[in-house]
Amino acid sequence: MKNQIIFRTKNFALDCWRLCFKVPKSREYNAFVSQLIRSSSSVGANYRASQRAKSTADFINKLKIVEEETDESVYWLEIFEEVLPEYKEEILKLKKEGSELLAIIVASINTAKRNQNKK
């Protein structure tokens, strides 16, 4: 499962980048593009960092960052959905993947917290 999440988070970043590559170049769009690229790439980078956590508390803290960055990515995709209706189908697929990743991360956080409390 761990390797699958690493794969999915990396592909999420790449797929967001591919969408951003298509977005027209303008001052207004560039600000949104930068935010989506930053947050979506942070999802995978921080998930990988969580796999090298030094303790359960460190693991949970790193996953909380992943949770925040995934949620932020979905937010920017919602913005793009409003301003770029011509890419709606692609954006909806990305939002679905972001939402699925978010659910997995939240479940992982909850499991880690339960396991931590058992110790």
Protein backbone atom coordinates (compact mmCIF):
# COMPACT_ATOMS: atom_id res chain seq x y z
CA MET A 1 0.00 0.00 0.00
CA LYS A 2 2.82 2.41 0.92
CA ASN A 3 4.40 2.19 -2.54
CA GLN A 4 0.99 2.70 -4.15
CA ILE A 5 0.50 5.96 -2.22
CA ILE A 6 4.00 7.12 -3.19
CA PHE A 7 3.10 6.38 -6.83
CA ARG A 8 -0.29 8.10 -6.60
CA THR A 9 1.02 11.23 -4.87
CA LYS A 10 3.79 11.58 -7.45
CA ASN A 11 1.33 11.14 -10.31
CA PHE A 12 -1.02 13.65 -8.71
CA ALA A 13 1.75 16.25 -8.79
CA LEU A 14 2.64 15.41 -12.38
CA ASP A 15 -0.99 15.47 -13.52
CA CYS A 16 -1.51 18.86 -11.84
CA TRP A 17 1.63 20.11 -13.58
CA ARG A 18 0.30 18.86 -16.94
CA LEU A 19 -2.92 20.80 -16.35
CA CYS A 20 -0.97 23.91 -15.36
CA PHE A 21 1.12 23.63 -18.51
CA LYS A 22 -2.06 24.12 -20.56
CA VAL A 23 -3.24 27.17 -18.65
CA PRO A 24 -2.86 30.47 -20.54
CA LYS A 25 0.09 32.58 -19.42
CA SER A 26 -1.08 35.73 -17.64
CA ARG A 27 -0.41 37.49 -14.37
CA GLU A 28 -3.73 36.28 -12.95
CA TYR A 29 -3.41 32.65 -14.00
CA ASN A 30 0.28 32.45 -13.12
CA ALA A 31 -0.48 33.11 -9.43
CA PHE A 32 -2.97 30.22 -9.35
CA VAL A 33 -0.67 27.94 -11.36
CA SER A 34 2.20 28.54 -8.95
CA GLN A 35 0.01 27.74 -5.96
CA LEU A 36 -1.32 24.49 -7.46
CA ILE A 37 2.11 23.30 -8.55
CA ARG A 38 3.56 24.08 -5.11
CA SER A 39 0.80 22.42 -3.09
CA SER A 40 0.36 19.35 -5.32
CA SER A 41 4.09 18.62 -5.43
CA SER A 42 4.29 19.08 -1.67
CA VAL A 43 1.77 16.24 -1.20
CA GLY A 44 4.15 13.58 -2.50
CA ALA A 45 7.30 15.13 -1.08
CA ASN A 46 5.85 15.29 2.42
CA TYR A 47 4.32 11.83 2.18
CA ARG A 48 7.76 10.45 1.34
CA ALA A 49 9.19 12.36 4.30
CA SER A 50 6.55 10.77 6.54
CA GLN A 51 7.92 7.35 5.63
CA ARG A 52 11.21 8.33 7.26
CA ALA A 53 9.64 9.70 10.44
CA LYS A 54 11.64 9.28 13.64
CA SER A 55 8.63 8.52 15.83
CA THR A 56 4.87 8.05 15.66
CA ALA A 57 4.37 11.69 16.65
CA ASP A 58 6.73 12.78 13.86
CA PHE A 59 4.86 10.53 11.41
CA ILE A 60 1.53 12.07 12.40
CA ASN A 61 2.92 15.62 12.12
CA LYS A 62 4.28 14.94 8.64
CA LEU A 63 0.98 13.39 7.54
CA LYS A 64 -0.86 16.46 8.85
CA ILE A 65 1.24 18.53 6.42
CA VAL A 66 0.25 16.13 3.62
CA GLU A 67 -3.39 16.55 4.65
CA GLU A 68 -3.13 20.36 4.49
CA GLU A 69 -1.32 20.37 1.14
CA THR A 70 -3.78 17.92 -0.40
CA ASP A 71 -6.73 19.98 0.77
CA GLU A 72 -5.09 23.13 -0.59
CA SER A 73 -4.53 21.42 -3.94
CA VAL A 74 -8.22 20.51 -4.13
CA TYR A 75 -9.06 24.15 -3.34
CA TRP A 76 -6.93 25.41 -6.26
CA LEU A 77 -8.52 22.81 -8.53
CA GLU A 78 -11.93 24.16 -7.50
CA ILE A 79 -10.76 27.64 -8.49
CA PHE A 80 -9.53 26.34 -11.85
CA GLU A 81 -12.85 24.57 -12.37
CA GLU A 82 -14.57 27.96 -12.13
CA VAL A 83 -12.18 29.94 -14.33
CA LEU A 84 -11.26 27.25 -16.90
CA PRO A 85 -14.48 25.44 -17.84
CA GLU A 86 -12.81 24.09 -20.99
CA TYR A 87 -10.71 21.77 -18.78
CA LYS A 88 -13.58 20.69 -16.53
CA GLU A 89 -13.28 16.94 -17.23
CA GLU A 90 -9.55 16.89 -16.47
CA ILE A 91 -10.03 19.04 -13.38
CA LEU A 92 -12.82 16.78 -12.07
CA LYS A 93 -10.50 13.75 -12.38
CA LEU A 94 -7.80 15.61 -10.46
CA LYS A 95 -10.27 16.70 -7.77
CA LYS A 96 -11.44 13.10 -7.42
CA GLU A 97 -7.87 11.87 -7.01
CA GLY A 98 -7.09 14.66 -4.54
CA SER A 99 -10.19 13.82 -2.51
CA GLU A 100 -9.31 10.11 -2.49
CA LEU A 101 -5.75 10.86 -1.38
CA LEU A 102 -7.10 13.16 1.32
CA ALA A 103 -9.39 10.42 2.64
CA ILE A 104 -6.50 7.92 2.71
CA ILE A 105 -4.23 10.36 4.55
CA VAL A 106 -6.90 11.25 7.13
CA ALA A 107 -7.55 7.54 7.72
CA SER A 108 -3.80 6.97 8.15
CA ILE A 109 -3.57 9.82 10.66
CA ASN A 110 -6.50 8.42 12.63
CA THR A 111 -5.00 4.91 12.63
CA ALA A 112 -1.61 6.23 13.75
CA LYS A 113 -3.26 8.20 16.57
CA ARG A 114 -5.21 5.13 17.73
CA ASN A 115 -2.05 3.02 17.66
CA GLN A 116 -0.13 5.72 19.53
CA ASN A 117 -2.78 5.80 22.26
CA LYS A 118 -2.56 2.01 22.71
CA LYS A 119 1.12 2.21 23.66
